[in-house]
């Protein structure tokens, strides 16, 4: 696959979503996290619908206000309180 060769992981994730190959999306999330690619990491968390990962990514990128709002909106009360205290 050309997206793998060119290391275009954002488009590869979208390709997996469109083709229904969603079992590979968690692996793409891990790859983005290991590479430190914040945008692709957040994008994959959105595609997976994983609010916890989005909050984690926002925290790690020092976007505490956004992390707090996201945690509150998605009912992650423990994370919201932890972020609020920090």
N, C-alpha and C. Protein backbone atom coordinates (compact mmCIF):
# COMPACT_ATOMS: atom_id res chain seq x y z
N UNK A 1 0.85 -1.18 0.00
CA UNK A 1 0.00 0.00 0.00
C UNK A 1 0.90 1.24 0.00
N UNK A 2 0.59 2.18 -0.85
CA UNK A 2 1.44 3.35 -1.04
C UNK A 2 1.49 4.25 0.20
N UNK A 3 0.41 4.32 0.96
CA UNK A 3 0.41 5.16 2.17
C UNK A 3 1.39 4.63 3.21
N UNK A 4 1.57 3.32 3.26
CA UNK A 4 2.54 2.75 4.19
C UNK A 4 3.96 3.08 3.74
N UNK A 5 4.22 2.99 2.47
CA UNK A 5 5.57 3.26 1.96
C UNK A 5 5.96 4.72 2.15
N UNK A 6 5.00 5.62 1.97
CA UNK A 6 5.30 7.05 2.11
C UNK A 6 5.12 7.54 3.54
N UNK A 7 4.73 6.64 4.42
CA UNK A 7 4.50 6.95 5.84
C UNK A 7 3.47 8.06 6.02
N UNK A 8 2.44 8.01 5.20
CA UNK A 8 1.33 8.95 5.29
C UNK A 8 0.23 8.28 6.14
N UNK A 9 0.49 8.25 7.45
CA UNK A 9 -0.35 7.48 8.35
C UNK A 9 -1.74 8.08 8.53
N UNK A 10 -1.87 9.38 8.37
CA UNK A 10 -3.18 10.02 8.48
C UNK A 10 -4.11 9.52 7.38
N UNK A 11 -3.62 9.51 6.17
CA UNK A 11 -4.43 9.02 5.05
C UNK A 11 -4.64 7.52 5.12
N UNK A 12 -3.66 6.81 5.63
CA UNK A 12 -3.81 5.37 5.78
C UNK A 12 -4.92 5.05 6.78
N UNK A 13 -4.98 5.79 7.87
CA UNK A 13 -6.05 5.60 8.85
C UNK A 13 -7.41 5.87 8.22
N UNK A 14 -7.50 6.95 7.45
CA UNK A 14 -8.76 7.28 6.79
C UNK A 14 -9.13 6.19 5.78
N UNK A 15 -8.14 5.65 5.08
CA UNK A 15 -8.39 4.55 4.13
C UNK A 15 -8.95 3.33 4.87
N UNK A 16 -8.36 3.01 6.02
CA UNK A 16 -8.86 1.87 6.80
C UNK A 16 -10.31 2.11 7.23
N UNK A 17 -10.63 3.34 7.61
CA UNK A 17 -12.00 3.66 8.01
C UNK A 17 -12.97 3.50 6.84
N UNK A 18 -12.60 4.05 5.69
CA UNK A 18 -13.49 4.00 4.52
C UNK A 18 -13.70 2.58 4.00
N UNK A 19 -12.67 1.76 4.09
CA UNK A 19 -12.79 0.39 3.58
C UNK A 19 -13.38 -0.56 4.62
N UNK A 20 -13.67 -0.05 5.81
CA UNK A 20 -14.28 -0.88 6.85
C UNK A 20 -13.28 -1.72 7.61
N UNK A 21 -12.01 -1.45 7.44
CA UNK A 21 -10.95 -2.20 8.10
C UNK A 21 -10.61 -1.53 9.45
N UNK A 22 -11.63 -1.41 10.29
CA UNK A 22 -11.48 -0.64 11.53
C UNK A 22 -10.67 -1.35 12.60
N UNK A 23 -10.40 -2.63 12.44
CA UNK A 23 -9.59 -3.33 13.44
C UNK A 23 -8.13 -2.86 13.41
N UNK A 24 -7.72 -2.19 12.34
CA UNK A 24 -6.35 -1.69 12.26
C UNK A 24 -6.21 -0.28 12.83
N UNK A 25 -7.32 0.39 13.11
CA UNK A 25 -7.25 1.75 13.63
C UNK A 25 -6.60 1.85 15.01
N UNK A 26 -6.85 0.92 15.94
CA UNK A 26 -6.13 1.02 17.22
C UNK A 26 -4.61 0.89 17.04
N UNK A 27 -4.18 0.09 16.09
CA UNK A 27 -2.75 -0.04 15.82
C UNK A 27 -2.21 1.28 15.28
N UNK A 28 -2.97 1.94 14.43
CA UNK A 28 -2.56 3.23 13.89
C UNK A 28 -2.49 4.29 14.99
N UNK A 29 -3.37 4.18 15.97
CA UNK A 29 -3.35 5.10 17.12
C UNK A 29 -2.06 4.92 17.91
N UNK A 30 -1.66 3.68 18.13
CA UNK A 30 -0.41 3.40 18.85
C UNK A 30 0.81 3.90 18.08
N UNK A 31 0.79 3.70 16.76
CA UNK A 31 1.91 4.16 15.94
C UNK A 31 2.05 5.68 16.02
N UNK A 32 0.93 6.38 15.93
CA UNK A 32 0.96 7.84 16.00
C UNK A 32 1.46 8.30 17.36
N UNK A 33 1.05 7.60 18.41
CA UNK A 33 1.51 7.96 19.76
C UNK A 33 3.01 7.74 19.91
N UNK A 34 3.50 6.62 19.40
CA UNK A 34 4.93 6.32 19.48
C UNK A 34 5.76 7.31 18.67
N UNK A 35 5.22 7.75 17.54
CA UNK A 35 5.93 8.70 16.69
C UNK A 35 5.84 10.13 17.22
N UNK A 36 4.94 10.37 18.17
CA UNK A 36 4.77 11.71 18.70
C UNK A 36 4.03 12.63 17.75
N UNK A 37 3.26 12.05 16.84
CA UNK A 37 2.50 12.83 15.86
C UNK A 37 1.14 13.15 16.47
N UNK A 38 1.04 14.32 17.07
CA UNK A 38 -0.13 14.70 17.85
C UNK A 38 -1.39 14.79 16.99
N UNK A 39 -1.27 15.37 15.81
CA UNK A 39 -2.44 15.54 14.95
C UNK A 39 -3.01 14.19 14.52
N UNK A 40 -2.14 13.29 14.08
CA UNK A 40 -2.60 11.96 13.64
C UNK A 40 -3.14 11.18 14.83
N UNK A 41 -2.51 11.34 15.99
CA UNK A 41 -2.98 10.68 17.21
C UNK A 41 -4.40 11.12 17.54
N UNK A 42 -4.63 12.43 17.51
CA UNK A 42 -5.97 12.96 17.81
C UNK A 42 -6.97 12.52 16.73
N UNK A 43 -6.55 12.55 15.48
CA UNK A 43 -7.42 12.15 14.39
C UNK A 43 -7.86 10.69 14.54
N UNK A 44 -6.93 9.82 14.88
CA UNK A 44 -7.26 8.40 15.07
C UNK A 44 -8.19 8.21 16.27
N UNK A 45 -7.96 8.97 17.33
CA UNK A 45 -8.85 8.89 18.48
C UNK A 45 -10.26 9.33 18.10
N UNK A 46 -10.36 10.34 17.25
CA UNK A 46 -11.68 10.77 16.76
C UNK A 46 -12.33 9.68 15.92
N UNK A 47 -11.56 9.07 15.02
CA UNK A 47 -12.11 8.02 14.16
C UNK A 47 -12.59 6.83 14.99
N UNK A 48 -11.88 6.53 16.07
CA UNK A 48 -12.26 5.41 16.93
C UNK A 48 -13.38 5.78 17.89
N UNK A 49 -13.62 7.08 18.07
CA UNK A 49 -14.62 7.51 19.04
C UNK A 49 -14.14 7.34 20.47
N UNK A 50 -12.85 7.39 20.68
CA UNK A 50 -12.24 7.14 21.98
C UNK A 50 -11.99 8.46 22.72
N UNK A 51 -12.94 8.85 23.55
CA UNK A 51 -12.84 10.11 24.28
C UNK A 51 -11.68 10.10 25.27
N UNK A 52 -11.42 8.97 25.90
CA UNK A 52 -10.32 8.87 26.86
C UNK A 52 -8.98 9.17 26.20
N UNK A 53 -8.76 8.64 25.02
CA UNK A 53 -7.51 8.89 24.29
C UNK A 53 -7.40 10.35 23.88
N UNK A 54 -8.52 10.96 23.51
CA UNK A 54 -8.49 12.38 23.14
C UNK A 54 -8.10 13.23 24.33
N UNK A 55 -8.67 12.93 25.50
CA UNK A 55 -8.34 13.67 26.71
C UNK A 55 -6.87 13.48 27.05
N UNK A 56 -6.38 12.26 26.95
CA UNK A 56 -4.98 11.97 27.22
C UNK A 56 -4.07 12.76 26.30
N UNK A 57 -4.39 12.78 25.00
CA UNK A 57 -3.58 13.50 24.03
C UNK A 57 -3.59 14.99 24.32
N UNK A 58 -4.74 15.54 24.65
CA UNK A 58 -4.83 16.96 24.94
C UNK A 58 -4.03 17.31 26.19
N UNK A 59 -4.06 16.44 27.17
CA UNK A 59 -3.25 16.65 28.39
C UNK A 59 -1.76 16.63 28.06
N UNK A 60 -1.34 15.63 27.31
CA UNK A 60 0.08 15.47 26.97
C UNK A 60 0.60 16.64 26.13
N UNK A 61 -0.29 17.27 25.38
CA UNK A 61 0.14 18.40 24.55
C UNK A 61 -0.09 19.74 25.26
N UNK A 62 -0.32 19.68 26.57
CA UNK A 62 -0.48 20.87 27.42
C UNK A 62 -1.70 21.72 27.06
N UNK A 63 -2.72 21.11 26.52
CA UNK A 63 -3.98 21.79 26.25
C UNK A 63 -4.97 21.42 27.36
N UNK A 64 -4.66 21.86 28.57
CA UNK A 64 -5.44 21.43 29.73
C UNK A 64 -6.87 21.93 29.69
N UNK A 65 -7.10 23.14 29.19
CA UNK A 65 -8.48 23.64 29.11
C UNK A 65 -9.32 22.79 28.18
N UNK A 66 -8.76 22.45 27.03
CA UNK A 66 -9.48 21.59 26.08
C UNK A 66 -9.66 20.18 26.64
N UNK A 67 -8.64 19.68 27.32
CA UNK A 67 -8.73 18.35 27.92
C UNK A 67 -9.84 18.31 28.97
N UNK A 68 -9.91 19.37 29.78
CA UNK A 68 -10.94 19.44 30.81
C UNK A 68 -12.34 19.49 30.19
N UNK A 69 -12.50 20.34 29.18
CA UNK A 69 -13.82 20.44 28.53
C UNK A 69 -14.21 19.13 27.87
N UNK A 70 -13.27 18.48 27.22
CA UNK A 70 -13.56 17.21 26.56
C UNK A 70 -13.94 16.13 27.59
N UNK A 71 -13.21 16.11 28.70
CA UNK A 71 -13.52 15.13 29.76
C UNK A 71 -14.91 15.39 30.33
N UNK A 72 -15.24 16.65 30.56
CA UNK A 72 -16.56 16.98 31.11
C UNK A 72 -17.67 16.61 30.14
N UNK A 73 -17.49 16.96 28.88
CA UNK A 73 -18.52 16.69 27.87
C UNK A 73 -18.79 15.20 27.71
N UNK A 74 -17.74 14.39 27.82
CA UNK A 74 -17.88 12.95 27.59
C UNK A 74 -18.11 12.17 28.88
N UNK A 75 -18.34 12.86 29.98
CA UNK A 75 -18.68 12.20 31.23
C UNK A 75 -17.52 11.53 31.93
N UNK A 76 -16.31 11.95 31.65
CA UNK A 76 -15.12 11.39 32.31
C UNK A 76 -14.81 12.26 33.54
N UNK A 77 -15.63 12.11 34.56
CA UNK A 77 -15.58 13.00 35.72
C UNK A 77 -14.26 12.90 36.49
N UNK A 78 -13.72 11.69 36.65
CA UNK A 78 -12.46 11.53 37.38
C UNK A 78 -11.32 12.26 36.68
N UNK A 79 -11.27 12.12 35.36
CA UNK A 79 -10.22 12.80 34.59
C UNK A 79 -10.40 14.31 34.66
N UNK A 80 -11.66 14.76 34.58
CA UNK A 80 -11.95 16.19 34.63
C UNK A 80 -11.49 16.78 35.95
N UNK A 81 -11.75 16.10 37.05
CA UNK A 81 -11.31 16.60 38.36
C UNK A 81 -9.79 16.60 38.48
N UNK A 82 -9.15 15.56 37.96
CA UNK A 82 -7.69 15.48 38.01
C UNK A 82 -7.07 16.63 37.21
N UNK A 83 -7.65 16.92 36.05
CA UNK A 83 -7.15 17.99 35.21
C UNK A 83 -7.41 19.35 35.86
N UNK A 84 -8.57 19.48 36.48
CA UNK A 84 -8.94 20.74 37.13
C UNK A 84 -7.96 21.08 38.25
N UNK A 85 -7.53 20.07 38.99
CA UNK A 85 -6.61 20.28 40.11
C UNK A 85 -5.21 20.65 39.58
N UNK A 86 -4.82 20.09 38.44
CA UNK A 86 -3.48 20.32 37.88
C UNK A 86 -3.28 21.69 37.38
